[in-house]
Amino acid sequence: MDHFDVKDKVVLITGSSRGIGHILASGFASAGSRVILNGTNQETLDTAGHKLKKVGANVYGYLFDVTDYVLVEKMIPQIENEVGAI
């Protein structure tokens, strides 16, 4: 099962400020991943980050729309520079 080890891996989960994305983020965080939360609403993104940080998760929040190719091209290098390779 070593190939499922995600401890210390950097994981970007789009739409992770609520719903299924947030549940996935929580699972990766509990498995020891550094989780990058992504969403398009700052308030829900902040709330999601605070919930996970309260239980000791290593999370980072980035506000951008993944359907905007130009923005994604800008944000991915920034995220990898600040958090680590995804």
C-alpha atoms as a PDB file:
ATOM      1  CA  MET A   1       0.000   0.000   0.000  1.00  0.00           C
ATOM      2  CA  ASP A   2       3.029   2.323  -0.105  1.00  0.00           C
ATOM      3  CA  HIS A   3       1.887   3.704  -3.448  1.00  0.00           C
ATOM      4  CA  PHE A   4      -1.076   5.262  -1.629  1.00  0.00           C
ATOM      5  CA  ASP A   5       1.107   7.105   0.873  1.00  0.00           C
ATOM      6  CA  VAL A   6       0.389  10.830   0.510  1.00  0.00           C
ATOM      7  CA  LYS A   7       2.188  11.997   3.637  1.00  0.00           C
ATOM      8  CA  ASP A   8       4.064  15.249   2.990  1.00  0.00           C
ATOM      9  CA  LYS A   9       2.778  15.396  -0.594  1.00  0.00           C
ATOM     10  CA  VAL A  10       1.390  18.695  -1.858  1.00  0.00           C
ATOM     11  CA  VAL A  11      -2.169  18.216  -3.054  1.00  0.00           C
ATOM     12  CA  LEU A  12      -4.245  20.815  -4.886  1.00  0.00           C
ATOM     13  CA  ILE A  13      -7.974  20.196  -4.680  1.00  0.00           C
ATOM     14  CA  THR A  14     -10.129  22.483  -6.756  1.00  0.00           C
ATOM     15  CA  GLY A  15     -13.510  23.467  -5.376  1.00  0.00           C
ATOM     16  CA  SER A  16     -12.344  22.452  -1.917  1.00  0.00           C
ATOM     17  CA  SER A  17     -13.957  25.237   0.068  1.00  0.00           C
ATOM     18  CA  ARG A  18     -17.164  23.191   0.400  1.00  0.00           C
ATOM     19  CA  GLY A  19     -18.934  19.967  -0.491  1.00  0.00           C
ATOM     20  CA  ILE A  20     -17.133  16.952  -1.902  1.00  0.00           C
ATOM     21  CA  GLY A  21     -13.972  18.957  -2.510  1.00  0.00           C
ATOM     22  CA  HIS A  22     -13.802  19.906   1.160  1.00  0.00           C
ATOM     23  CA  ILE A  23     -14.333  16.294   2.207  1.00  0.00           C
ATOM     24  CA  LEU A  24     -11.476  15.215  -0.083  1.00  0.00           C
ATOM     25  CA  ALA A  25      -9.269  17.990   1.322  1.00  0.00           C
ATOM     26  CA  SER A  26     -10.032  16.816   4.842  1.00  0.00           C
ATOM     27  CA  GLY A  27      -9.109  13.239   3.935  1.00  0.00           C
ATOM     28  CA  PHE A  28      -5.802  14.214   2.358  1.00  0.00           C
ATOM     29  CA  ALA A  29      -5.014  16.483   5.309  1.00  0.00           C
ATOM     30  CA  SER A  30      -5.703  13.692   7.800  1.00  0.00           C
ATOM     31  CA  ALA A  31      -3.367  11.452   5.762  1.00  0.00           C
ATOM     32  CA  GLY A  32      -0.565  13.983   6.252  1.00  0.00           C
ATOM     33  CA  SER A  33      -0.656  15.866   2.961  1.00  0.00           C
ATOM     34  CA  ARG A  34      -0.048  19.557   2.593  1.00  0.00           C
ATOM     35  CA  VAL A  35      -3.383  20.583   1.126  1.00  0.00           C
ATOM     36  CA  ILE A  36      -3.984  23.524  -1.159  1.00  0.00           C
ATOM     37  CA  LEU A  37      -7.580  24.628  -0.923  1.00  0.00           C
ATOM     38  CA  ASN A  38      -8.990  26.349  -3.975  1.00  0.00           C
ATOM     39  CA  GLY A  39     -12.205  28.215  -4.565  1.00  0.00           C
ATOM     40  CA  THR A  40     -13.742  31.352  -6.012  1.00  0.00           C
ATOM     41  CA  ASN A  41     -15.258  32.814  -2.848  1.00  0.00           C
ATOM     42  CA  GLN A  42     -12.852  34.226  -0.253  1.00  0.00           C
ATOM     43  CA  GLU A  43     -15.244  33.823   2.676  1.00  0.00           C
ATOM     44  CA  THR A  44     -15.967  30.132   2.079  1.00  0.00           C
ATOM     45  CA  LEU A  45     -12.296  29.486   1.331  1.00  0.00           C
ATOM     46  CA  ASP A  46     -11.272  31.121   4.621  1.00  0.00           C
ATOM     47  CA  THR A  47     -13.927  29.181   6.540  1.00  0.00           C
ATOM     48  CA  ALA A  48     -12.794  25.880   5.031  1.00  0.00           C
ATOM     49  CA  GLY A  49      -9.175  26.648   5.862  1.00  0.00           C
ATOM     50  CA  HIS A  50      -9.988  27.565   9.457  1.00  0.00           C
ATOM     51  CA  LYS A  51     -11.958  24.334   9.950  1.00  0.00           C
ATOM     52  CA  LEU A  52      -9.055  22.206   8.795  1.00  0.00           C
ATOM     53  CA  LYS A  53      -6.416  24.200  10.664  1.00  0.00           C
ATOM     54  CA  LYS A  54      -8.396  23.757  13.898  1.00  0.00           C
ATOM     55  CA  VAL A  55      -7.755  20.008  13.662  1.00  0.00           C
ATOM     56  CA  GLY A  56      -4.072  20.483  12.898  1.00  0.00           C
ATOM     57  CA  ALA A  57      -4.138  20.233   9.121  1.00  0.00           C
ATOM     58  CA  ASN A  58      -1.398  21.801   7.028  1.00  0.00           C
ATOM     59  CA  VAL A  59      -3.513  23.809   4.563  1.00  0.00           C
ATOM     60  CA  TYR A  60      -3.097  26.777   2.261  1.00  0.00           C
ATOM     61  CA  GLY A  61      -5.871  28.690   0.543  1.00  0.00           C
ATOM     62  CA  TYR A  62      -5.671  30.131  -2.966  1.00  0.00           C
ATOM     63  CA  LEU A  63      -8.499  32.085  -4.512  1.00  0.00           C
ATOM     64  CA  PHE A  64      -8.730  31.644  -8.281  1.00  0.00           C
ATOM     65  CA  ASP A  65     -11.027  30.245 -10.943  1.00  0.00           C
ATOM     66  CA  VAL A  66      -9.596  27.082 -12.502  1.00  0.00           C
ATOM     67  CA  THR A  67     -11.622  27.683 -15.672  1.00  0.00           C
ATOM     68  CA  ASP A  68      -9.484  30.772 -16.365  1.00  0.00           C
ATOM     69  CA  TYR A  69      -6.469  29.293 -18.172  1.00  0.00           C
ATOM     70  CA  VAL A  70      -4.391  32.488 -17.953  1.00  0.00           C
ATOM     71  CA  LEU A  71      -4.953  32.698 -14.214  1.00  0.00           C
ATOM     72  CA  VAL A  72      -4.100  29.028 -13.723  1.00  0.00           C
ATOM     73  CA  GLU A  73      -0.852  29.550 -15.666  1.00  0.00           C
ATOM     74  CA  LYS A  74      -0.026  32.341 -13.216  1.00  0.00           C
ATOM     75  CA  MET A  75      -1.125  30.658  -9.988  1.00  0.00           C
ATOM     76  CA  ILE A  76       0.407  27.188 -10.312  1.00  0.00           C
ATOM     77  CA  PRO A  77       4.015  28.451 -10.366  1.00  0.00           C
ATOM     78  CA  GLN A  78       3.214  30.772  -7.450  1.00  0.00           C
ATOM     79  CA  ILE A  79       1.731  27.899  -5.439  1.00  0.00           C
ATOM     80  CA  GLU A  80       4.660  25.612  -6.207  1.00  0.00           C
ATOM     81  CA  ASN A  81       7.111  28.353  -5.221  1.00  0.00           C
ATOM     82  CA  GLU A  82       5.322  29.004  -1.917  1.00  0.00           C
ATOM     83  CA  VAL A  83       4.209  25.489  -0.928  1.00  0.00           C
ATOM     84  CA  GLY A  84       6.086  22.955  -3.073  1.00  0.00           C
ATOM     85  CA  ALA A  85       5.641  20.924  -6.219  1.00  0.00           C
ATOM     86  CA  ILE A  86       2.111  19.666  -6.685  1.00  0.00           C
END
